[in-house]
């Protein structure tokens, strides 16, 4: 290829011939219900001027790892003082058995609800709605709160980071077990050489 003579000024990299846009433009799932929602929100994103619909559409394309579940306790915490609005989760809403206090009539829109979460919301006088119902009620996402679950709470994420065993590391090791003799000797106890 033609290489121009270099001058003292730095050039701009304009060679984007092989740069591919890797963002999803459609969901990979074969779930017909997700595909119908995509059709609906594609229309709303195009015809309304609301950023809400564009964000929901983008999240409908996402993989399940990027659509982490949100527990009812976290959701209730986020909705304090916003009880008149609809909580929107593009993912699953799960129950939390540790939660003792009742949630007061929350309106929640999500892709899925676990059985316990749905029962708890309905019992407290709340409402569980689907995205097609939400599109009729709030086509522009007015009076809604868009939420999502914690992405890094997967068990696998505990193993990522600095190597387990090095100083100041809190990374979880992949071990055969947690007994006295498995990765608990040199470097783990002062009586066995040193302790990190």
Protein backbone atom coordinates (compact mmCIF):
# COMPACT_ATOMS: atom_id res chain seq x y z
CA UNK A 1 0.00 0.00 0.00
CA UNK A 2 0.96 3.61 -0.53
CA UNK A 3 2.81 5.07 2.46
CA UNK A 4 3.08 8.86 2.40
CA UNK A 5 6.30 10.56 3.42
CA UNK A 6 6.33 11.23 7.12
CA UNK A 7 6.38 14.77 8.36
CA UNK A 8 6.71 16.10 11.89
CA UNK A 9 2.90 16.04 12.33
CA UNK A 10 1.26 12.84 13.56
CA UNK A 11 -1.40 11.43 11.31
CA UNK A 12 -4.80 10.01 12.16
CA UNK A 13 -5.46 6.29 11.86
CA UNK A 14 -8.08 6.09 9.12
CA UNK A 15 -7.63 2.40 8.34
CA UNK A 16 -10.88 1.00 9.68
CA UNK A 17 -11.40 -1.40 6.80
CA UNK A 18 -11.47 -4.48 9.04
CA UNK A 19 -12.94 -2.85 12.16
CA UNK A 20 -16.23 -4.60 12.77
CA UNK A 21 -19.03 -3.25 14.94
CA UNK A 22 -19.49 -6.06 17.45
CA UNK A 23 -22.57 -4.63 19.14
CA UNK A 24 -25.71 -6.72 18.86
CA UNK A 25 -28.47 -5.53 16.58
CA UNK A 26 -30.81 -8.42 17.37
CA UNK A 27 -31.13 -10.98 20.16
CA UNK A 28 -29.43 -14.35 19.71
CA UNK A 29 -32.25 -16.20 21.46
CA UNK A 30 -34.95 -18.10 19.59
CA UNK A 31 -37.53 -17.16 22.23
CA UNK A 32 -40.53 -15.91 20.26
CA UNK A 33 -41.71 -13.71 23.13
CA UNK A 34 -38.39 -11.86 23.31
CA UNK A 35 -38.52 -11.46 19.52
CA UNK A 36 -42.01 -9.96 19.74
CA UNK A 37 -40.86 -7.51 22.42
CA UNK A 38 -37.91 -6.55 20.22
CA UNK A 39 -40.33 -5.86 17.36
CA UNK A 40 -42.46 -3.69 19.66
CA UNK A 41 -39.58 -1.73 21.21
CA UNK A 42 -37.83 -1.32 17.86
CA UNK A 43 -40.97 0.44 16.67
CA UNK A 44 -41.22 2.56 19.84
CA UNK A 45 -37.51 3.47 19.72
CA UNK A 46 -37.94 4.62 16.13
CA UNK A 47 -41.25 6.46 16.47
CA UNK A 48 -40.88 8.06 19.89
CA UNK A 49 -38.08 10.38 20.85
CA UNK A 50 -37.57 8.64 24.23
CA UNK A 51 -34.13 7.39 25.26
CA UNK A 52 -35.93 4.90 27.55
CA UNK A 53 -37.13 2.81 24.60
CA UNK A 54 -33.66 2.74 23.03
CA UNK A 55 -32.13 1.52 26.29
CA UNK A 56 -34.80 -1.19 26.77
CA UNK A 57 -34.30 -2.34 23.18
CA UNK A 58 -30.53 -2.55 23.65
CA UNK A 59 -30.98 -4.54 26.86
CA UNK A 60 -33.39 -6.96 25.17
CA UNK A 61 -30.54 -7.86 22.80
CA UNK A 62 -28.17 -8.67 25.68
CA UNK A 63 -26.96 -12.09 26.73
CA UNK A 64 -28.20 -13.52 30.01
CA UNK A 65 -24.87 -12.76 31.65
CA UNK A 66 -25.43 -9.09 30.86
CA UNK A 67 -29.02 -9.27 32.17
CA UNK A 68 -28.30 -10.27 35.79
CA UNK A 69 -31.23 -10.94 38.14
CA UNK A 70 -32.30 -8.33 40.66
CA UNK A 71 -33.59 -9.38 44.07
CA UNK A 72 -36.82 -7.94 45.45
CA UNK A 73 -34.93 -6.54 48.49
CA UNK A 74 -32.49 -4.55 46.32
CA UNK A 75 -35.38 -3.37 44.15
CA UNK A 76 -37.34 -2.19 47.21
CA UNK A 77 -34.26 -0.28 48.43
CA UNK A 78 -33.91 1.49 45.07
CA UNK A 79 -37.60 2.41 45.04
CA UNK A 80 -37.71 4.19 48.42
CA UNK A 81 -39.49 7.50 47.83
CA UNK A 82 -40.46 6.49 44.28
CA UNK A 83 -43.39 4.22 45.12
CA UNK A 84 -45.69 6.00 42.63
CA UNK A 85 -43.43 5.02 39.71
CA UNK A 86 -43.04 1.71 37.87
CA UNK A 87 -39.80 -0.19 38.44
CA UNK A 88 -38.50 -1.58 35.12
CA UNK A 89 -36.04 -4.50 35.02
CA UNK A 90 -34.96 -6.02 31.69
CA UNK A 91 -34.25 -9.35 33.34
CA UNK A 92 -35.49 -11.52 36.21
CA UNK A 93 -36.82 -10.34 39.56
CA UNK A 94 -36.01 -12.87 42.29
CA UNK A 95 -37.32 -13.39 45.81
CA UNK A 96 -35.20 -12.76 48.91
CA UNK A 97 -35.99 -15.03 51.86
CA UNK A 98 -33.87 -12.85 54.19
CA UNK A 99 -36.24 -9.93 53.66
CA UNK A 100 -38.67 -9.77 56.57
CA UNK A 101 -40.50 -6.47 56.12
CA UNK A 102 -43.25 -6.19 53.55
CA UNK A 103 -42.87 -4.18 50.39
CA UNK A 104 -45.66 -1.69 49.97
CA UNK A 105 -47.62 -1.91 46.73
CA UNK A 106 -44.84 -1.71 44.16
CA UNK A 107 -45.54 -1.78 40.44
CA UNK A 108 -42.81 -3.81 38.73
CA UNK A 109 -42.26 -4.57 35.07
CA UNK A 110 -39.78 -7.36 34.26
CA UNK A 111 -39.09 -10.10 31.72
CA UNK A 112 -39.53 -12.78 34.38
CA UNK A 113 -40.54 -13.11 38.03
CA UNK A 114 -39.68 -16.07 40.19
CA UNK A 115 -42.70 -17.69 41.83
CA UNK A 116 -41.79 -16.38 45.30
CA UNK A 117 -41.13 -12.84 44.06
CA UNK A 118 -44.44 -12.65 42.23
CA UNK A 119 -46.34 -13.98 45.25
CA UNK A 120 -44.67 -11.46 47.56
CA UNK A 121 -45.41 -8.47 45.31
CA UNK A 122 -49.06 -9.44 44.78
CA UNK A 123 -49.56 -10.17 48.51
CA UNK A 124 -48.27 -6.69 49.40
CA UNK A 125 -50.83 -5.12 47.04
CA UNK A 126 -48.36 -4.54 44.24
CA UNK A 127 -48.49 -5.41 40.56
CA UNK A 128 -46.29 -7.47 38.24
CA UNK A 129 -46.60 -6.35 34.63
CA UNK A 130 -45.01 -7.36 31.34
CA UNK A 131 -43.24 -5.15 28.81
CA UNK A 132 -46.17 -5.17 26.35
CA UNK A 133 -48.42 -3.89 29.16
CA UNK A 134 -45.82 -1.25 29.99
CA UNK A 135 -45.71 -0.13 26.34
CA UNK A 136 -49.44 0.62 26.53
CA UNK A 137 -49.20 2.43 29.86
CA UNK A 138 -45.98 4.35 29.31
CA UNK A 139 -44.92 4.33 25.63
CA UNK A 140 -42.16 6.86 26.38
CA UNK A 141 -41.16 5.43 29.75
CA UNK A 142 -42.72 8.30 31.71
CA UNK A 143 -42.89 7.74 35.49
CA UNK A 144 -40.65 4.70 35.39
CA UNK A 145 -37.38 3.80 37.12
CA UNK A 146 -35.06 1.69 34.96
CA UNK A 147 -33.04 -0.72 37.12
CA UNK A 148 -30.65 -3.61 36.59
CA UNK A 149 -29.04 -6.30 38.71
CA UNK A 150 -25.44 -6.49 39.95
CA UNK A 151 -23.34 -7.81 37.08
CA UNK A 152 -20.30 -8.83 39.13
CA UNK A 153 -22.09 -10.89 41.77
CA UNK A 154 -21.66 -14.17 39.91
CA UNK A 155 -19.66 -16.82 41.76
CA UNK A 156 -17.19 -16.92 38.87
CA UNK A 157 -16.27 -13.25 39.45
CA UNK A 158 -14.86 -14.10 42.88
CA UNK A 159 -12.04 -15.97 41.11
CA UNK A 160 -11.04 -12.99 38.93
CA UNK A 161 -8.36 -10.47 39.90
CA UNK A 162 -4.90 -10.72 41.44
CA UNK A 163 -3.60 -14.25 41.90
CA UNK A 164 -4.88 -15.85 45.10
CA UNK A 165 -2.06 -16.01 47.64
CA UNK A 166 -0.20 -12.86 46.63
CA UNK A 167 -0.24 -10.00 49.17
CA UNK A 168 -3.42 -7.89 49.35
CA UNK A 169 -5.33 -10.31 47.14
CA UNK A 170 -8.87 -11.27 48.06
CA UNK A 171 -9.32 -13.50 45.01
CA UNK A 172 -10.94 -16.85 45.67
CA UNK A 173 -8.73 -19.82 44.75
CA UNK A 174 -9.96 -22.79 42.69
CA UNK A 175 -9.27 -25.52 45.27
CA UNK A 176 -10.23 -29.15 45.75
CA UNK A 177 -11.60 -28.30 49.17
CA UNK A 178 -11.29 -26.08 52.22
CA UNK A 179 -9.71 -28.48 54.72
CA UNK A 180 -6.54 -27.95 56.77
CA UNK A 181 -4.12 -29.42 54.26
CA UNK A 182 -5.45 -28.00 50.98
CA UNK A 183 -3.67 -24.74 50.10
CA UNK A 184 -3.41 -23.81 53.77
CA UNK A 185 0.32 -24.42 54.41
CA UNK A 186 3.32 -22.41 53.15
CA UNK A 187 2.36 -18.79 52.52
CA UNK A 188 -0.92 -19.18 54.37
CA UNK A 189 0.31 -19.80 57.95
CA UNK A 190 3.18 -18.18 59.84
CA UNK A 191 4.05 -21.57 61.36
CA UNK A 192 4.65 -22.96 57.84
CA UNK A 193 7.42 -20.74 56.48
CA UNK A 194 5.62 -17.41 56.09
CA UNK A 195 2.18 -15.87 55.83
CA UNK A 196 1.17 -13.47 53.05
